[in-house]
Amino acid sequence: MSDILDVVIIGSGPAGLSAAVYAMRAQLKTLVIEKNPMSGGQIINTYEVDNYLGLPGINGFDMGMKMREHAEKLNTPFMTNEVIKVDMEDKIKILTCQDGTVIKTKTILIATGANNRKLGMKAETDLVGKGVSYCATCDGAFYRGKTVAVVGGGDVAVEDAIFLARGSKQVYLIHRRDSLRATKILQEELFALPNVTLVWDSAVEDIIGNETVEKIRLKNIKTSSVTELDVDGVFVAIGTNPVSDLLDGIVEMDNGKYIIANENCETSQKGIFAAGDIRAKQLRQVITAASDGANAITSIDRYLREYK
């Protein structure tokens, strides 16, 4: 690909697809590079999305396909490939792909997202969207009046437990240690809730269920005793891993390897922008990812007008 593009969007989740729509409407020479042949990012594995404005209860796969269709309607060019290297040549960014393809572009928008850390068992994968979730704010509404477990001990896990306790009959918070890592104010709020039970020093050994989650098997870290809890859902909140290795050493990142970018999605490297879950920010949701994509292209368009 010899032409110099205006923008290469790496990733085709909600942030990347939103950016593609805005880039094509701005008549930028655009290319979307997606590692997987299926667009949509993490939402395609979500049974229902209940908190996206105007589309309550939409199936996650359908939502991802609708986003892709919108981008395709504007004739967005897509390439299934993986960018493995980024080089800088004056103001031009040179991307090398896994198959040897070399692409030159004036700007890069990285929207590769973040992967949820997994417990690491087969049943966890088999029951995703059928009782196993990684997003309480996305799926919590489906467990009103039911019993759920949250796995983790940091801010996100405690916030998830507090959120779920508003509607669920019973919430178990499973933590490997005998104290939480969450901030004290969150802990105080959690401990005051009558329908939350802390299960200390325990790890999830297995998730049990056929069509849906039915129970979890726990092992006490200190005593090695094994117990089971009947639950309708398991919310795994043990952290995420941003897919940011491609730009390691090129742009500024925080301690968790999330890319530091301002509200205009500008990184520390001119001409490189970040959108969606890969960006260091407070809330990672479909709606904030889509907003980032739009915002990033607005910044890129301004950058290109000033580009000399």
Protein backbone atom coordinates (compact mmCIF):
# COMPACT_ATOMS: atom_id res chain seq x y z
CA MET A 1 0.00 0.00 0.00
CA SER A 2 2.04 2.92 -1.35
CA ASP A 3 -0.33 5.83 -0.75
CA ILE A 4 -0.01 7.77 2.48
CA LEU A 5 -3.27 7.53 4.37
CA ASP A 6 -4.77 10.19 6.60
CA VAL A 7 -5.60 7.78 9.41
CA VAL A 8 -5.21 4.11 10.21
CA ILE A 9 -7.62 2.86 12.87
CA ILE A 10 -6.23 -0.19 14.67
CA GLY A 11 -9.10 -2.15 16.18
CA SER A 12 -12.76 -2.57 15.26
CA GLY A 13 -14.66 -2.53 18.52
CA PRO A 14 -17.14 0.27 19.32
CA ALA A 15 -14.34 2.87 19.49
CA GLY A 16 -12.78 1.85 16.20
CA LEU A 17 -16.08 1.53 14.35
CA SER A 18 -17.37 4.84 15.69
CA ALA A 19 -14.11 6.42 14.55
CA ALA A 20 -14.49 4.82 11.13
CA VAL A 21 -17.94 6.36 10.67
CA TYR A 22 -16.70 9.81 11.64
CA ALA A 23 -13.55 9.49 9.53
CA MET A 24 -15.46 8.52 6.41
CA ARG A 25 -17.96 11.34 6.94
CA ALA A 26 -14.99 13.70 7.21
CA GLN A 27 -13.72 12.27 3.89
CA LEU A 28 -10.40 11.18 5.37
CA LYS A 29 -8.32 8.53 3.59
CA THR A 30 -8.98 5.81 6.12
CA LEU A 31 -8.15 2.17 6.79
CA VAL A 32 -9.41 0.00 9.65
CA ILE A 33 -7.10 -2.87 10.58
CA GLU A 34 -8.70 -5.60 12.67
CA LYS A 35 -6.86 -8.59 14.08
CA ASN A 36 -9.98 -10.76 14.05
CA PRO A 37 -12.32 -11.10 11.06
CA MET A 38 -15.29 -10.35 13.33
CA SER A 39 -15.85 -6.70 14.26
CA GLY A 40 -17.46 -5.52 17.49
CA GLY A 41 -14.84 -6.19 20.15
CA GLN A 42 -15.89 -7.62 23.51
CA ILE A 43 -19.60 -6.83 23.06
CA ILE A 44 -20.11 -9.62 20.54
CA ASN A 45 -19.68 -12.06 23.45
CA THR A 46 -22.33 -10.30 25.55
CA TYR A 47 -25.77 -11.87 25.48
CA GLU A 48 -27.59 -8.60 26.13
CA VAL A 49 -26.53 -4.96 26.45
CA ASP A 50 -29.03 -3.14 28.64
CA ASN A 51 -27.38 0.25 29.18
CA TYR A 52 -26.70 1.65 25.72
CA LEU A 53 -28.92 4.67 25.20
CA GLY A 54 -31.94 3.94 23.05
CA LEU A 55 -31.19 0.23 22.57
CA PRO A 56 -32.13 -1.48 25.84
CA GLY A 57 -31.74 -5.25 25.78
CA ILE A 58 -30.01 -5.47 22.40
CA ASN A 59 -28.01 -8.62 21.84
CA GLY A 60 -24.28 -7.83 21.97
CA PHE A 61 -23.51 -9.67 18.74
CA ASP A 62 -26.31 -7.84 16.92
CA MET A 63 -25.03 -4.54 18.25
CA GLY A 64 -21.53 -5.23 16.98
CA MET A 65 -22.88 -6.19 13.56
CA LYS A 66 -25.01 -3.03 13.36
CA MET A 67 -21.93 -0.93 14.12
CA ARG A 68 -19.98 -2.75 11.42
CA GLU A 69 -22.83 -2.32 8.92
CA HIS A 70 -22.92 1.42 9.62
CA ALA A 71 -19.21 1.68 8.83
CA GLU A 72 -19.59 -0.48 5.71
CA LYS A 73 -22.47 1.68 4.48
CA LEU A 74 -19.95 4.52 4.23
CA ASN A 75 -17.55 2.27 2.26
CA THR A 76 -14.99 2.08 5.05
CA PRO A 77 -11.95 0.05 3.93
CA PHE A 78 -11.22 -2.88 6.28
CA MET A 79 -8.19 -5.14 6.45
CA THR A 80 -7.88 -8.30 8.55
CA ASN A 81 -4.29 -8.26 9.76
CA GLU A 82 -2.20 -7.55 12.83
CA VAL A 83 0.10 -4.55 13.16
CA ILE A 84 3.30 -5.77 14.79
CA LYS A 85 5.52 -2.69 14.49
CA VAL A 86 5.24 1.10 14.34
CA ASP A 87 8.12 3.24 13.05
CA MET A 88 8.28 7.01 12.89
CA GLU A 89 9.70 8.80 9.84
CA ASP A 90 9.43 12.55 10.29
CA LYS A 91 5.64 13.03 10.54
CA ILE A 92 4.82 9.78 8.74
CA LYS A 93 3.98 6.63 10.71
CA ILE A 94 5.05 3.36 9.09
CA LEU A 95 3.10 0.28 10.11
CA THR A 96 4.38 -3.23 9.50
CA CYS A 97 1.81 -6.00 9.57
CA GLN A 98 2.21 -9.66 10.43
CA ASP A 99 2.03 -10.72 6.79
CA GLY A 100 4.70 -8.18 5.77
CA THR A 101 2.33 -5.51 4.49
CA VAL A 102 3.72 -2.00 5.07
CA ILE A 103 1.33 0.93 5.45
CA LYS A 104 2.16 4.63 5.65
CA THR A 105 -0.15 7.06 7.40
CA LYS A 106 -0.18 10.58 8.77
CA THR A 107 -2.01 9.55 11.93
CA ILE A 108 -2.80 6.44 13.96
CA LEU A 109 -5.82 5.82 16.14
CA ILE A 110 -5.25 2.84 18.39
CA ALA A 111 -8.49 1.29 19.60
CA THR A 112 -7.40 -2.24 20.44
CA GLY A 113 -9.19 -2.23 23.78
CA ALA A 114 -8.48 -4.32 26.84
CA ASN A 115 -9.04 -7.95 27.68
CA ASN A 116 -10.66 -8.98 30.95
CA ARG A 117 -8.44 -11.08 33.14
CA LYS A 118 -9.89 -14.54 33.39
CA LEU A 119 -10.15 -17.02 36.24
CA GLY A 120 -8.79 -19.57 33.79
CA MET A 121 -11.24 -22.46 33.72
CA LYS A 122 -13.19 -24.05 30.87
CA ALA A 123 -16.60 -23.50 32.47
CA GLU A 124 -15.86 -19.77 32.68
CA THR A 125 -15.51 -19.60 28.90
CA ASP A 126 -18.46 -21.90 28.23
CA LEU A 127 -20.83 -19.86 30.42
CA VAL A 128 -19.93 -16.32 29.34
CA GLY A 129 -23.24 -14.54 28.81
CA LYS A 130 -25.04 -17.40 30.56
CA GLY A 131 -24.28 -16.35 34.11
CA VAL A 132 -20.61 -15.38 33.79
CA SER A 133 -20.06 -11.67 33.26
CA TYR A 134 -17.23 -9.16 33.41
CA CYS A 135 -19.42 -6.06 33.64
CA ALA A 136 -21.87 -5.50 36.50
CA THR A 137 -23.21 -2.25 35.08
CA CYS A 138 -23.88 -4.00 31.76
CA ASP A 139 -25.54 -7.16 33.07
CA GLY A 140 -26.57 -6.48 36.66
CA ALA A 141 -30.18 -5.72 35.74
CA PHE A 142 -30.68 -9.33 34.71
CA TYR A 143 -30.05 -10.52 38.28
CA ARG A 144 -32.66 -8.56 40.18
CA GLY A 145 -33.93 -10.67 43.06
CA LYS A 146 -31.26 -13.31 42.43
CA THR A 147 -28.07 -14.46 44.13
CA VAL A 148 -24.74 -13.51 42.59
CA ALA A 149 -21.03 -13.71 43.36
CA VAL A 150 -18.40 -11.08 42.62
CA VAL A 151 -14.79 -12.24 42.40
CA GLY A 152 -12.08 -9.72 43.29
CA GLY A 153 -10.98 -7.31 45.99
CA GLY A 154 -10.14 -4.02 44.31
CA ASP A 155 -12.18 -0.92 43.62
CA VAL A 156 -13.97 -2.41 40.62
CA ALA A 157 -15.00 -5.56 42.47
CA VAL A 158 -16.31 -3.60 45.44
CA GLU A 159 -18.11 -1.10 43.21
CA ASP A 160 -19.66 -4.03 41.34
CA ALA A 161 -20.82 -5.63 44.59
CA ILE A 162 -22.35 -2.35 45.78
CA PHE A 163 -24.08 -1.87 42.44
CA LEU A 164 -25.44 -5.42 42.36
CA ALA A 165 -26.64 -5.22 45.96
CA ARG A 166 -29.20 -2.61 44.92
CA GLY A 167 -31.21 -5.20 43.02
CA SER A 168 -29.93 -8.66 43.83
CA LYS A 169 -31.26 -10.67 46.76
CA GLN A 170 -27.80 -11.75 47.90
CA VAL A 171 -24.27 -10.81 46.85
CA TYR A 172 -21.17 -12.79 47.80
CA LEU A 173 -17.83 -11.05 47.41
CA ILE A 174 -15.10 -13.66 46.95
CA HIS A 175 -11.55 -12.52 47.72
CA ARG A 176 -8.28 -14.43 47.93
CA ARG A 177 -7.02 -12.39 50.89
CA ASP A 178 -8.31 -11.42 54.33
CA SER A 179 -8.56 -7.71 53.48
CA LEU A 180 -9.72 -5.71 50.49
CA ARG A 181 -7.53 -3.55 48.27
CA ALA A 182 -10.38 -1.14 47.55
CA THR A 183 -10.40 2.38 48.93
CA LYS A 184 -11.62 2.74 52.51
CA ILE A 185 -14.69 4.77 51.62
CA LEU A 186 -15.85 2.03 49.25
CA GLN A 187 -15.19 -0.62 51.87
CA GLU A 188 -17.26 1.27 54.43
CA GLU A 189 -20.15 1.51 52.00
CA LEU A 190 -19.87 -2.19 51.21
CA PHE A 191 -19.72 -3.35 54.83
CA ALA A 192 -22.90 -1.42 55.61
CA LEU A 193 -24.97 -3.41 53.12
CA PRO A 194 -27.10 -6.13 54.71
CA ASN A 195 -27.28 -8.35 51.62
CA VAL A 196 -23.53 -8.56 50.97
CA THR A 197 -21.47 -11.39 52.45
CA LEU A 198 -17.67 -11.36 52.32
CA VAL A 199 -15.99 -14.70 51.66
CA TRP A 200 -12.36 -14.22 52.66
CA ASP A 201 -9.22 -16.18 51.77
CA SER A 202 -11.01 -18.01 49.00
CA ALA A 203 -10.45 -18.72 45.32
CA VAL A 204 -12.93 -19.97 42.72
CA GLU A 205 -11.93 -23.50 41.76
CA ASP A 206 -14.78 -24.15 39.36
CA ILE A 207 -18.04 -22.77 38.00
CA ILE A 208 -20.79 -25.35 37.80
CA GLY A 209 -23.80 -25.32 35.50
CA ASN A 210 -25.23 -26.77 32.30
CA GLU A 211 -27.10 -24.10 30.35
CA THR A 212 -26.55 -21.41 33.00
CA VAL A 213 -24.48 -20.89 36.14
CA GLU A 214 -25.83 -22.89 39.08
CA LYS A 215 -23.06 -22.80 41.68
CA ILE A 216 -19.39 -22.11 42.27
CA ARG A 217 -16.81 -24.26 44.03
CA LEU A 218 -14.48 -22.40 46.39
CA LYS A 219 -11.21 -23.38 48.02
CA ASN A 220 -9.99 -21.67 51.15
CA ILE A 221 -6.40 -20.55 50.58
CA LYS A 222 -5.39 -21.05 54.22
CA THR A 223 -7.21 -24.25 55.18
CA SER A 224 -7.60 -25.92 51.75
CA SER A 225 -11.24 -26.68 52.62
CA VAL A 226 -13.64 -26.81 49.66
CA THR A 227 -17.19 -25.44 49.72
CA GLU A 228 -19.90 -24.71 47.20
CA LEU A 229 -22.22 -21.72 46.87
CA ASP A 230 -25.49 -21.70 44.95
CA VAL A 231 -25.48 -18.63 42.70
CA ASP A 232 -27.27 -17.46 39.58
CA GLY A 233 -24.41 -15.35 38.28
CA VAL A 234 -20.67 -14.78 38.65
CA PHE A 235 -19.13 -11.36 38.03
CA VAL A 236 -15.38 -11.59 37.52
CA ALA A 237 -13.63 -8.35 38.50
CA ILE A 238 -9.96 -9.23 38.80
CA GLY A 239 -8.73 -6.57 36.41
CA THR A 240 -8.11 -6.05 32.72
CA ASN A 241 -5.07 -6.13 30.48
CA PRO A 242 -4.89 -3.38 27.85
CA VAL A 243 -3.76 -4.46 24.39
CA SER A 244 -1.12 -1.74 24.22
CA ASP A 245 2.20 -3.54 23.65
CA LEU A 246 2.36 -2.23 20.07
CA LEU A 247 2.99 1.32 21.31
CA ASP A 248 5.14 0.47 24.32
CA GLY A 249 7.97 3.01 24.41
CA ILE A 250 6.28 5.22 21.81
CA VAL A 251 3.50 6.82 23.85
CA GLU A 252 3.15 7.50 27.56
CA MET A 253 1.32 4.85 29.58
CA ASP A 254 0.28 4.47 33.20
CA ASN A 255 1.48 1.71 35.53
CA GLY A 256 -1.18 -0.64 34.19
CA LYS A 257 -0.03 -0.09 30.58
CA TYR A 258 -3.14 1.91 29.69
CA ILE A 259 -2.34 4.68 27.23
CA ILE A 260 -2.47 8.15 28.71
CA ALA A 261 -4.52 10.39 26.41
CA ASN A 262 -6.41 13.57 27.16
CA GLU A 263 -10.14 14.10 26.62
CA ASN A 264 -9.37 14.86 22.97
CA CYS A 265 -7.77 11.40 22.75
CA GLU A 266 -4.34 12.91 22.05
CA THR A 267 -1.38 10.87 23.32
CA SER A 268 2.10 12.09 24.18
CA GLN A 269 3.21 11.39 20.58
CA LYS A 270 1.97 13.84 17.96
CA GLY A 271 -0.18 12.15 15.36
CA ILE A 272 -1.01 9.14 17.53
CA PHE A 273 -4.41 9.02 19.23
CA ALA A 274 -6.07 6.51 21.56
CA ALA A 275 -9.76 5.68 22.00
CA GLY A 276 -11.86 3.23 23.96
CA ASP A 277 -10.89 0.78 26.68
CA ILE A 278 -7.17 1.10 25.96
CA ARG A 279 -7.20 4.68 27.21
CA ALA A 280 -6.57 5.49 30.88
CA LYS A 281 -9.94 6.74 32.09
CA GLN A 282 -12.63 6.32 34.73
CA LEU A 283 -15.38 4.45 32.89
CA ARG A 284 -14.97 1.77 30.23
CA GLN A 285 -18.33 1.13 28.55
CA VAL A 286 -19.63 0.81 25.00
CA ILE A 287 -21.03 4.32 25.12
CA THR A 288 -17.75 5.89 26.29
CA ALA A 289 -15.80 3.92 23.68
CA ALA A 290 -18.07 5.15 20.90
CA SER A 291 -17.74 8.70 22.22
CA ASP A 292 -13.96 8.38 22.23
CA GLY A 293 -13.99 7.28 18.59
CA ALA A 294 -15.95 10.34 17.55
CA ASN A 295 -13.81 12.63 19.66
CA ALA A 296 -10.57 11.16 18.34
CA ILE A 297 -11.50 11.72 14.71
CA THR A 298 -12.46 15.32 15.48
CA SER A 299 -8.95 15.77 16.92
CA ILE A 300 -7.35 13.95 13.99
CA ASP A 301 -9.22 16.10 11.48
CA ARG A 302 -7.97 19.23 13.25
CA TYR A 303 -4.42 17.80 13.36
CA LEU A 304 -4.50 17.06 9.62
CA ARG A 305 -5.68 20.56 8.76
CA GLU A 306 -2.62 21.89 10.57
CA TYR A 307 -0.41 19.14 9.11
CA LYS A 308 2.48 20.41 6.98
